[in-house]
Structures are given as structure tokens and as C-alpha cells.
Protein backbone atom coordinates (compact mmCIF):
# COMPACT_ATOMS: atom_id res chain seq x y z
CA MET A 1 30.77 -28.44 8.34
CA SER A 2 33.99 -26.77 9.68
CA ASP A 3 34.50 -26.65 13.66
CA ASN A 4 34.16 -22.85 13.11
CA VAL A 5 30.67 -22.98 11.58
CA LYS A 6 29.75 -25.47 14.15
CA ASN A 7 30.97 -23.41 17.08
CA ALA A 8 29.27 -20.21 15.66
CA ASN A 9 26.12 -22.28 15.37
CA GLN A 10 26.27 -23.14 18.93
CA ARG A 11 26.51 -19.74 20.22
CA LEU A 12 23.35 -19.06 18.28
CA LYS A 13 21.52 -21.80 19.58
CA ILE A 14 19.23 -19.97 21.88
CA LEU A 15 18.36 -17.73 19.12
CA TYR A 16 17.16 -20.46 16.83
CA LEU A 17 15.24 -21.81 19.85
CA TYR A 18 13.54 -18.29 20.11
CA LYS A 19 12.70 -18.11 16.50
CA ILE A 20 11.36 -21.82 16.67
CA LEU A 21 8.87 -21.36 19.43
CA LEU A 22 7.77 -17.82 17.83
CA GLU A 23 7.29 -19.32 14.37
CA GLN A 24 5.77 -22.67 14.96
CA THR A 25 3.97 -22.52 18.34
CA ASP A 26 0.70 -20.74 19.52
CA GLU A 27 -1.98 -21.52 22.05
CA GLU A 28 -3.31 -24.05 19.64
CA HIS A 29 0.04 -25.57 18.47
CA SER A 30 2.84 -26.60 20.80
CA ILE A 31 6.16 -28.13 20.07
CA THR A 32 7.46 -31.11 21.86
CA MET A 33 11.39 -31.35 22.91
CA PRO A 34 12.15 -33.97 20.50
CA GLU A 35 10.85 -31.95 17.80
CA ILE A 36 12.82 -28.84 18.91
CA ILE A 37 15.97 -31.14 19.09
CA LYS A 38 15.22 -32.20 15.53
CA GLN A 39 14.81 -28.79 13.98
CA LEU A 40 17.88 -27.49 15.97
CA GLU A 41 19.72 -30.14 14.37
CA CYS A 42 18.51 -29.13 10.78
CA CYS A 43 20.19 -25.74 11.61
CA GLY A 44 23.69 -27.77 12.40
CA ILE A 45 23.23 -27.39 16.09
CA SER A 46 23.46 -30.06 18.56
CA ALA A 47 21.62 -29.73 21.97
CA GLY A 48 20.93 -31.86 25.18
CA ARG A 49 17.43 -31.73 26.82
CA LYS A 50 19.13 -30.26 30.03
CA ALA A 51 20.78 -27.51 28.13
CA LEU A 52 17.38 -26.81 26.07
CA TYR A 53 15.58 -26.65 29.60
CA GLU A 54 18.21 -23.88 30.77
CA ASP A 55 17.63 -22.11 27.40
CA ILE A 56 13.63 -22.12 27.87
CA GLU A 57 13.93 -20.72 31.23
CA ALA A 58 16.18 -17.95 29.96
CA LEU A 59 13.92 -16.87 27.53
CA ARG A 60 11.27 -16.78 30.39
CA ALA A 61 13.27 -14.73 31.95
CA TYR A 62 13.80 -12.38 29.02
CA GLY A 63 10.25 -11.94 28.85
CA LEU A 64 8.87 -14.42 26.38
CA ASP A 65 5.70 -16.08 27.38
CA VAL A 66 6.62 -19.81 27.18
CA ILE A 67 4.05 -21.97 28.47
CA SER A 68 5.03 -26.05 29.40
CA LEU A 69 2.34 -28.71 28.78
CA LYS A 70 2.45 -31.27 31.22
CA GLY A 71 1.11 -34.99 30.81
CA GLY A 72 0.21 -36.62 27.51
CA ALA A 73 0.41 -33.56 25.49
CA SER A 74 3.71 -32.35 26.83
CA GLY A 75 5.25 -29.84 24.68
CA TYR A 76 5.60 -25.82 24.85
CA PHE A 77 4.05 -22.67 23.14
CA VAL A 78 4.35 -19.00 23.20
CA ALA A 79 0.98 -18.02 25.04
CA SER A 80 1.31 -14.31 24.06
CA ARG A 81 2.95 -11.89 21.73
CA ASP A 82 3.29 -8.23 21.04
CA PHE A 83 0.71 -8.54 18.77
CA GLU A 84 -2.47 -10.89 19.43
CA LEU A 85 -4.46 -12.63 16.16
CA PRO A 86 -7.36 -10.24 16.34
CA GLU A 87 -4.96 -7.20 16.22
CA LEU A 88 -3.01 -8.79 13.35
CA LYS A 89 -6.27 -9.28 11.46
CA LEU A 90 -7.39 -5.63 11.97
CA LEU A 91 -3.81 -4.55 10.58
CA ALA A 92 -4.27 -6.66 7.52
CA ASP A 93 -7.61 -5.40 6.79
CA ALA A 94 -6.52 -2.04 7.19
CA VAL A 95 -3.83 -2.40 4.77
CA CYS A 96 -5.97 -4.28 2.12
CA SER A 97 -8.70 -1.59 2.03
CA SER A 98 -6.01 1.56 2.14
CA ARG A 99 -6.41 2.75 -1.32
CA PHE A 100 -3.11 4.61 -1.04
CA LEU A 101 -1.32 1.61 -1.20
CA THR A 102 -0.47 -0.26 -4.15
CA GLU A 103 -1.14 -3.69 -4.64
CA LYS A 104 2.47 -4.55 -4.22
CA LYS A 105 3.18 -2.89 -1.30
CA SER A 106 -0.24 -4.20 0.04
CA GLY A 107 1.33 -7.91 -0.58
CA GLU A 108 4.58 -6.59 0.91
CA LEU A 109 3.33 -5.21 4.15
CA LEU A 110 0.71 -8.31 4.54
CA ARG A 111 3.69 -10.85 4.33
CA LYS A 112 5.53 -8.56 7.17
CA ILE A 113 2.69 -8.70 9.12
CA GLU A 114 2.05 -12.75 8.95
CA LYS A 115 5.48 -12.63 10.36
CA LEU A 116 4.21 -11.36 13.60
CA ALA A 117 2.34 -14.55 14.09
CA SER A 118 3.06 -18.16 14.02
CA VAL A 119 2.82 -19.87 11.19
CA HIS A 120 -0.41 -21.36 11.56
CA GLU A 121 -1.88 -18.06 12.52
CA ALA A 122 -0.39 -16.67 9.41
CA ARG A 123 -2.61 -18.92 7.37
CA GLN A 124 -5.73 -17.42 9.07
CA ILE A 125 -4.85 -14.00 8.24
CA HIS A 126 -3.74 -14.76 4.63
CA ARG A 127 -7.21 -16.67 4.15
CA GLN A 128 -9.14 -13.50 5.48
CA VAL A 129 -7.76 -10.94 3.21
CA TYR A 130 -8.17 -9.93 -0.53
CA ILE A 131 -6.07 -7.74 -2.22
CA ALA A 132 -6.52 -8.43 -6.22
CA ASN A 133 -8.99 -6.06 -8.15
CA ARG A 134 -9.30 -3.56 -5.23
CA VAL A 135 -9.11 0.28 -5.95
CA LYS A 136 -5.51 0.72 -5.18
CA SER A 137 -2.92 3.73 -5.96
CA MET A 138 -0.99 3.47 -8.88
CA ASN A 139 2.09 5.37 -7.35
CA GLU A 140 4.79 3.20 -6.06
CA ARG A 141 6.59 6.57 -4.61
CA ILE A 142 4.06 7.16 -2.24
CA TYR A 143 6.21 5.84 0.84
CA ILE A 144 9.21 8.09 0.11
CA ASN A 145 6.59 10.81 -0.17
CA VAL A 146 5.35 10.19 3.40
CA ASP A 147 8.96 10.17 4.57
CA VAL A 148 10.19 13.28 3.26
CA ILE A 149 6.64 15.29 4.43
CA HIS A 150 7.03 13.60 7.70
CA ARG A 151 10.74 15.23 8.09
CA ALA A 152 9.43 18.57 6.76
CA VAL A 153 6.83 18.55 9.26
CA ALA A 154 9.43 17.75 12.16
CA GLU A 155 11.82 20.24 10.96
CA LYS A 156 9.13 23.08 10.40
CA LYS A 157 10.25 23.74 6.80
CA GLN A 158 8.36 24.45 3.72
CA ILE A 159 8.25 22.09 0.67
CA SER A 160 7.89 22.12 -3.25
CA PHE A 161 6.34 19.32 -5.52
CA LYS A 162 4.69 18.68 -8.80
CA TYR A 163 1.15 17.80 -8.49
CA PHE A 164 -0.85 15.41 -11.06
CA ASP A 165 -4.14 14.13 -12.07
CA TYR A 166 -4.45 11.03 -14.21
CA ASN A 167 -6.27 11.51 -17.49
CA ILE A 168 -8.54 8.96 -19.62
CA GLU A 169 -5.53 6.99 -20.70
CA LYS A 170 -4.19 6.55 -17.17
CA LYS A 171 -1.31 9.03 -17.94
CA LYS A 172 -0.28 11.69 -15.41
CA LYS A 173 -1.24 14.89 -16.20
CA TYR A 174 0.64 17.63 -14.28
CA ARG A 175 -0.80 20.98 -13.19
CA ASP A 176 0.80 24.19 -13.82
CA GLY A 177 3.82 25.12 -11.97
CA LEU A 178 5.86 23.91 -8.95
CA ARG A 179 3.57 24.10 -5.74
CA VAL A 180 5.18 25.38 -2.70
CA CYS A 181 3.73 24.94 0.79
CA SER A 182 3.86 24.76 4.57
CA PRO A 183 3.23 21.27 5.95
CA TYR A 184 1.30 21.00 9.03
CA ALA A 185 0.11 17.26 9.40
CA MET A 186 -1.00 14.31 7.27
CA THR A 187 -4.30 12.74 7.83
CA TRP A 188 -5.71 9.38 6.44
CA ASP A 189 -9.06 10.06 5.17
CA ASP A 190 -11.54 7.91 2.95
CA GLU A 191 -8.64 5.23 3.03
CA ARG A 192 -6.11 8.10 1.56
CA TYR A 193 -3.38 10.12 2.97
CA TYR A 194 -3.60 13.61 2.77
CA LEU A 195 -1.40 16.41 3.65
CA ILE A 196 -2.66 19.41 5.50
CA ALA A 197 -0.83 22.46 4.56
CA TYR A 198 -0.86 26.04 3.98
CA TYR A 199 -1.08 26.85 0.59
CA GLU A 200 0.01 30.82 -0.29
CA LYS A 201 -1.63 30.69 -3.70
CA TYR A 202 -5.23 30.25 -1.81
CA SER A 203 -3.78 32.16 1.24
CA GLY A 204 -5.27 29.77 3.41
CA ILE A 205 -5.29 25.98 4.31
CA SER A 206 -5.60 23.32 1.70
CA ASN A 207 -5.48 19.46 1.49
CA PHE A 208 -3.26 17.63 -1.31
CA ARG A 209 -3.35 13.86 -1.87
CA VAL A 210 -0.07 12.35 -1.12
CA ASP A 211 -0.11 9.62 -3.76
CA ARG A 212 -0.66 12.66 -6.45
CA MET A 213 2.44 14.41 -5.11
CA GLU A 214 5.95 14.08 -6.93
CA SER A 215 9.46 15.62 -6.68
CA ILE A 216 8.90 16.39 -3.10
CA GLU A 217 11.76 18.61 -2.00
CA ILE A 218 12.38 19.95 1.62
CA LEU A 219 12.98 23.87 1.21
CA ASP A 220 15.43 25.95 3.43
CA GLU A 221 12.46 28.59 3.92
CA PRO A 222 10.65 27.95 7.51
CA ILE A 223 7.06 27.15 7.04
CA VAL A 224 4.14 29.82 7.94
CA PRO A 225 3.12 29.45 11.17
CA LYS A 226 -0.28 27.28 11.82
CA PRO A 227 -3.01 29.93 12.75
CA GLU A 228 -3.69 29.91 16.61
CA ASN A 229 -6.87 28.81 16.44
CA PHE A 230 -6.44 25.85 13.63
CA ASN A 231 -7.42 22.81 15.13
CA ILE A 232 -6.84 19.64 12.86
CA ALA A 233 -9.66 17.62 14.35
CA GLU A 234 -12.19 20.40 14.00
CA TYR A 235 -10.96 20.93 10.26
CA MET A 236 -11.56 17.31 9.71
CA ASN A 237 -15.12 17.30 10.78
CA SER A 238 -15.53 20.21 8.77
CA THR A 239 -14.20 18.37 5.41
CA PHE A 240 -16.11 16.33 2.91
CA SER A 241 -13.85 14.21 1.01
CA MET A 242 -11.07 16.17 1.53
CA PHE A 243 -12.03 19.20 -0.87
CA SER A 244 -10.92 22.50 -0.11
CA GLY A 245 -13.27 25.38 0.20
CA GLU A 246 -14.51 28.22 2.85
CA VAL A 247 -15.75 26.99 6.15
CA LYS A 248 -19.28 28.06 7.03
CA GLU A 249 -21.68 27.96 9.96
CA VAL A 250 -24.79 25.81 8.48
CA LYS A 251 -27.86 25.29 10.09
CA LEU A 252 -29.55 21.66 9.36
CA ARG A 253 -32.60 20.00 10.27
CA PHE A 254 -32.78 16.39 10.18
CA LYS A 255 -35.04 13.44 11.21
CA ASN A 256 -34.41 11.90 14.74
CA ASP A 257 -33.38 8.30 13.37
CA LEU A 258 -30.22 10.13 11.66
CA VAL A 259 -28.77 11.32 14.69
CA ASN A 260 -26.07 8.77 14.79
CA ILE A 261 -25.29 9.29 11.56
CA VAL A 262 -24.85 12.89 12.15
CA PHE A 263 -22.70 12.17 15.40
CA ASP A 264 -20.64 10.15 13.40
CA ARG A 265 -19.73 12.95 10.72
CA PHE A 266 -19.59 15.85 12.91
CA GLY A 267 -18.81 14.43 16.53
CA LYS A 268 -20.87 14.01 19.71
CA ASP A 269 -19.64 17.65 20.94
CA ILE A 270 -21.97 19.38 18.63
CA PHE A 271 -25.19 21.20 19.86
CA ILE A 272 -28.51 19.69 19.46
CA VAL A 273 -31.65 21.28 19.55
CA PRO A 274 -34.98 19.50 19.32
CA ASP A 275 -37.44 20.91 16.49
CA ASP A 276 -40.53 19.00 17.06
CA GLU A 277 -41.18 15.19 18.24
CA GLU A 278 -39.79 13.63 15.04
CA HIS A 279 -36.83 16.42 14.00
CA PHE A 280 -33.83 18.18 15.55
CA VAL A 281 -31.58 20.87 14.32
CA VAL A 282 -27.76 21.56 14.65
CA ARG A 283 -25.41 24.33 13.55
CA VAL A 284 -22.07 22.92 12.15
CA ASN A 285 -19.13 24.56 10.36
CA VAL A 286 -18.47 22.87 7.29
CA LYS A 287 -17.13 23.32 3.72
CA ALA A 288 -20.34 23.60 1.81
CA GLU A 289 -19.20 22.55 -1.29
CA GLN A 290 -20.36 20.07 -3.87
CA THR A 291 -19.39 17.02 -1.91
CA PHE A 292 -21.09 18.43 1.18
CA LEU A 293 -24.48 19.04 -0.75
CA ALA A 294 -23.86 15.30 -2.35
CA TRP A 295 -23.52 13.82 1.29
CA LEU A 296 -26.88 15.63 2.12
CA PHE A 297 -28.79 14.36 -0.74
CA MET A 298 -28.13 10.64 0.46
CA PHE A 299 -30.93 11.71 3.58
CA GLY A 300 -33.63 13.17 0.92
CA THR A 301 -36.58 14.60 2.35
CA ASN A 302 -35.07 13.51 6.07
CA ALA A 303 -32.60 16.23 5.91
CA GLU A 304 -32.72 20.17 4.85
CA ILE A 305 -30.54 23.02 4.98
CA LEU A 306 -32.14 26.00 7.19
CA ALA A 307 -29.45 28.74 6.78
CA PRO A 308 -27.80 30.29 5.36
CA GLN A 309 -30.32 31.19 2.56
CA GLU A 310 -27.68 31.49 -0.09
CA LEU A 311 -26.88 27.93 0.31
CA ARG A 312 -30.35 26.76 0.75
CA GLU A 313 -31.11 28.64 -2.84
CA ARG A 314 -27.96 27.00 -4.37
CA TYR A 315 -29.17 23.73 -3.31
CA LYS A 316 -32.64 24.06 -4.68
CA LYS A 317 -31.54 25.10 -7.85
CA GLN A 318 -29.00 22.17 -8.13
CA LEU A 319 -32.00 19.76 -7.20
CA SER A 320 -33.94 21.08 -9.78
CA ALA A 321 -31.02 20.94 -12.54
CA VAL A 322 -30.91 17.28 -11.44
CA PHE A 323 -34.90 16.84 -11.94
CA GLU A 324 -34.56 18.49 -15.17
CA ASN A 325 -31.97 16.23 -16.56
CA TYR A 326 -34.33 13.05 -16.09
CA ARG A 327 -37.51 14.90 -17.38
């Protein structure tokens, strides 16, 4: 090894020490001074104990939480990090369960998450996650889509894009025409990314699956201003499975033991009126489309539509049609 390389490595000594401590140690795994010296030698760096003691103090002053063990179990370890192990496990679970991420990208992100922990903790993260055979997106360009949409939202510019579905051969089938909309925000619902935007074709707010969008371009035209009374949180609470439709006020009657489910769906700010000892009534604004009726169907006789009458009759006809199909 040339003198120039050796001198360069020596200048990097504290950075290599920082890397060794972060990668090799945690509260359950410490490293001794002889082990540190040996690992530095593998990197072409010679270091004495005194200099390393000073380097460790410098890292502490920098903010690295290095703890020194005394006595028979002498050594050093990093006690705290930007992300604790339970937080990293939570992030790993989110990556694995996210359907908008492809299997390939999920694996890439998991490897990056594991690097935020020690090598010992990374093994725990790796053992607990499972990606293969999960339902995942087939669109590798979703990350580019997300970046372009974020820029369009920040710049308050309209976007154009192609929108597609998959057919039974798993091939893309594009919907007619190039779509143009005014992007307002992106949201994560049902493990997928959606764009919330004003869509002139429907003269109102609509949703688009980000993984079904392609060839997104930011246009020069400014967005149609967001309606003053438009609240994204309220919009999300009124939407079932991100299907578009007209928002209506619906009066519903539930058994009391469903109150937590109702809170989870509509939030705790809704006004609840006791109906009798076993039931309560709520009025909520929802998109009363097929997905809402399917959600209501899960509760059988424990949930009932009281108003509007038109929706009540539509639900009755649907239930009758289902019953006839099984006669």
C-alpha cells in the first residue's frame, strides 16, 4: 500500500470508527478496544489505544451515544440511534404490506432500513418480514410517478397522464384519451397510493391509483383552485375504497357493539344519538356507492339504512337480487 493511500486512510480513521460502532454494536453487543484496532487494521489503518480513546470522546461530543462498559465485560456500544429497533420493525412491516410497492422495490427498501440498525438487529428485522407471494404492484415506475406528482402539487400545475387497467392476460389496457387534472394531494389508502385531484371530465374531485398512471407530465397551466370548503380528511372519511361518487348525507342505525367500528370508519367527531338500549343512530356524509353498501353488508342485521329512502330502496333491491341468485 502506498504512503499516499496510508495517509488518506489515516485521515479517515474517525469515520471508519464511527462506521464500526454503528454497524457492529448495540445494547446487546459491544466491541472491545482490541477488536476495534483489528477491524481498523483490516481497513489499512493503524491506531493506538490513546488516539482511539480521544476519537471516541470526539464522537460523543459530536452526538454519538457511545457507552463504555467497565470491568470484566469491558467494551463499547452505541446505546441510541435516530431509529430504535421497534420503529425500524414498524417501517419494515409497512414496506412489506404496501401493495403499491413492487416486490423488487420492497426488497431494496428493506435492505436500506436494515442498514439503519446494527448488523445484529438487522437480522431480527430480516427474520420478521415476508415479501414473497404477497399482493404487490406490477408497476416499477410508481416511484417516478410519486416524484412528478409531488412536484406538480408544490408548483400548483396541472398534469397529463395515461391511465390503464390490467386485463385477464395481465397486460395493460389503456383507457381512452390522455387525462388532464389538477393535483391537490396524494394519500395512502388500503395499502395503495392515490392522487386526489380536480378532474374536469367529471366536473369535480376524483381519485386516481398512482400505480395505474403512466407518462405523467407537468403542464404549464395552473391548477383549478381547490374548493374553499374542501377538506382532505373529511373527503377520505366519506370515501370507501377510494371510489369516486357523489357525497350524500346518510342516516344509519347500528347495534351498540359496533360503535368502535363506526368510530374507526368515520372518526370520533361524529354525533351519535341513542335509539334504544341496544342501538344508536348517526348521520354521516359518504359516497353511497357499491363499496359503501358492501361495507354495510358485513354487519348483516346489526346495521340499517334509515335515510335517504332512495338509498334504502336501492339496498333492498340489491339484497333481493343476491338472495335470488342463491335460490
